[in-house]
Amino acid sequence: MAELFHNIGFTSSGFLNLSAREAYAEAMHGKAVIVDVREDRLTGYKNFDVPRLMRLSVETEE
């Protein structure tokens, strides 16, 4: 993964983290896919306009 995202983000507990701005830029250049895991009820007011977006809503029951 270091080769894909060279000189951006930071590593915490072994995971690469990108800021929202960095992730957006990478997605716009086709180097990343944004995965939206928000509940369906939360996706209506804030959407992402990126070429590669995957929605994986996981609704939980109590």
C-alpha atoms as a PDB file:
ATOM      1  CA  MET A   1       0.000   0.000   0.000  1.00  0.00           C
ATOM      2  CA  ALA A   2       2.886   2.361   0.623  1.00  0.00           C
ATOM      3  CA  GLU A   3       3.630   2.341  -3.111  1.00  0.00           C
ATOM      4  CA  LEU A   4       0.086   3.446  -3.947  1.00  0.00           C
ATOM      5  CA  PHE A   5      -0.115   6.307  -1.463  1.00  0.00           C
ATOM      6  CA  HIS A   6       3.452   7.571  -1.323  1.00  0.00           C
ATOM      7  CA  ASN A   7       4.059  10.759   0.710  1.00  0.00           C
ATOM      8  CA  ILE A   8       0.457  11.252   1.820  1.00  0.00           C
ATOM      9  CA  GLY A   9      -1.473  10.368   4.938  1.00  0.00           C
ATOM     10  CA  PHE A  10      -0.123   9.006   8.181  1.00  0.00           C
ATOM     11  CA  THR A  11       0.109   5.578   9.751  1.00  0.00           C
ATOM     12  CA  SER A  12      -1.572   4.820  13.063  1.00  0.00           C
ATOM     13  CA  SER A  13      -1.599   1.336  14.604  1.00  0.00           C
ATOM     14  CA  GLY A  14      -0.388  -0.065  11.294  1.00  0.00           C
ATOM     15  CA  PHE A  15      -3.183   1.490   9.202  1.00  0.00           C
ATOM     16  CA  LEU A  16      -2.712   4.224   6.621  1.00  0.00           C
ATOM     17  CA  ASN A  17      -5.034   7.170   7.264  1.00  0.00           C
ATOM     18  CA  LEU A  18      -5.821   9.877   4.728  1.00  0.00           C
ATOM     19  CA  SER A  19      -7.469  13.193   5.427  1.00  0.00           C
ATOM     20  CA  ALA A  20     -10.768  13.840   3.675  1.00  0.00           C
ATOM     21  CA  ARG A  21      -8.977  16.169   1.255  1.00  0.00           C
ATOM     22  CA  GLU A  22      -6.275  13.577   0.482  1.00  0.00           C
ATOM     23  CA  ALA A  23      -8.850  10.799  -0.024  1.00  0.00           C
ATOM     24  CA  TYR A  24     -10.926  12.999  -2.330  1.00  0.00           C
ATOM     25  CA  ALA A  25      -7.884  13.924  -4.429  1.00  0.00           C
ATOM     26  CA  GLU A  26      -6.830  10.275  -4.733  1.00  0.00           C
ATOM     27  CA  ALA A  27     -10.371   9.254  -5.725  1.00  0.00           C
ATOM     28  CA  MET A  28     -10.603  12.026  -8.328  1.00  0.00           C
ATOM     29  CA  HIS A  29      -7.347  10.808  -9.886  1.00  0.00           C
ATOM     30  CA  GLY A  30      -8.625   7.214 -10.009  1.00  0.00           C
ATOM     31  CA  LYS A  31      -6.171   5.952  -7.404  1.00  0.00           C
ATOM     32  CA  ALA A  32      -8.710   5.232  -4.663  1.00  0.00           C
ATOM     33  CA  VAL A  33     -12.305   4.135  -4.161  1.00  0.00           C
ATOM     34  CA  ILE A  34     -14.425   5.896  -1.554  1.00  0.00           C
ATOM     35  CA  VAL A  35     -16.415   3.378   0.513  1.00  0.00           C
ATOM     36  CA  ASP A  36     -19.462   4.926   2.192  1.00  0.00           C
ATOM     37  CA  VAL A  37     -20.554   2.783   5.155  1.00  0.00           C
ATOM     38  CA  ARG A  38     -23.093   5.200   6.601  1.00  0.00           C
ATOM     39  CA  GLU A  39     -26.616   4.048   7.386  1.00  0.00           C
ATOM     40  CA  ASP A  40     -29.084   4.704   4.555  1.00  0.00           C
ATOM     41  CA  ARG A  41     -30.877   7.425   6.518  1.00  0.00           C
ATOM     42  CA  LEU A  42     -27.631   9.432   6.737  1.00  0.00           C
ATOM     43  CA  THR A  43     -26.685   9.443   3.056  1.00  0.00           C
ATOM     44  CA  GLY A  44     -29.348  11.864   1.809  1.00  0.00           C
ATOM     45  CA  TYR A  45     -27.881  15.125   3.051  1.00  0.00           C
ATOM     46  CA  LYS A  46     -24.187  14.646   2.267  1.00  0.00           C
ATOM     47  CA  ASN A  47     -23.153  12.867  -0.927  1.00  0.00           C
ATOM     48  CA  PHE A  48     -19.824  12.322  -2.625  1.00  0.00           C
ATOM     49  CA  ASP A  49     -19.233  13.266  -6.255  1.00  0.00           C
ATOM     50  CA  VAL A  50     -16.322  10.997  -7.095  1.00  0.00           C
ATOM     51  CA  PRO A  51     -15.796   8.633 -10.044  1.00  0.00           C
ATOM     52  CA  ARG A  52     -15.552   5.464  -7.941  1.00  0.00           C
ATOM     53  CA  LEU A  53     -17.910   5.281  -4.966  1.00  0.00           C
ATOM     54  CA  MET A  54     -19.052   2.117  -3.256  1.00  0.00           C
ATOM     55  CA  ARG A  55     -21.952   2.162  -0.786  1.00  0.00           C
ATOM     56  CA  LEU A  56     -21.952  -0.590   1.829  1.00  0.00           C
ATOM     57  CA  SER A  57     -24.701   0.301   4.261  1.00  0.00           C
ATOM     58  CA  VAL A  58     -24.864  -2.050   7.211  1.00  0.00           C
ATOM     59  CA  GLU A  59     -28.115  -1.565   9.048  1.00  0.00           C
ATOM     60  CA  THR A  60     -28.015  -2.948  12.568  1.00  0.00           C
ATOM     61  CA  GLU A  61     -30.978  -4.114  14.564  1.00  0.00           C
ATOM     62  CA  GLU A  62     -31.162  -3.669  18.305  1.00  0.00           C
END
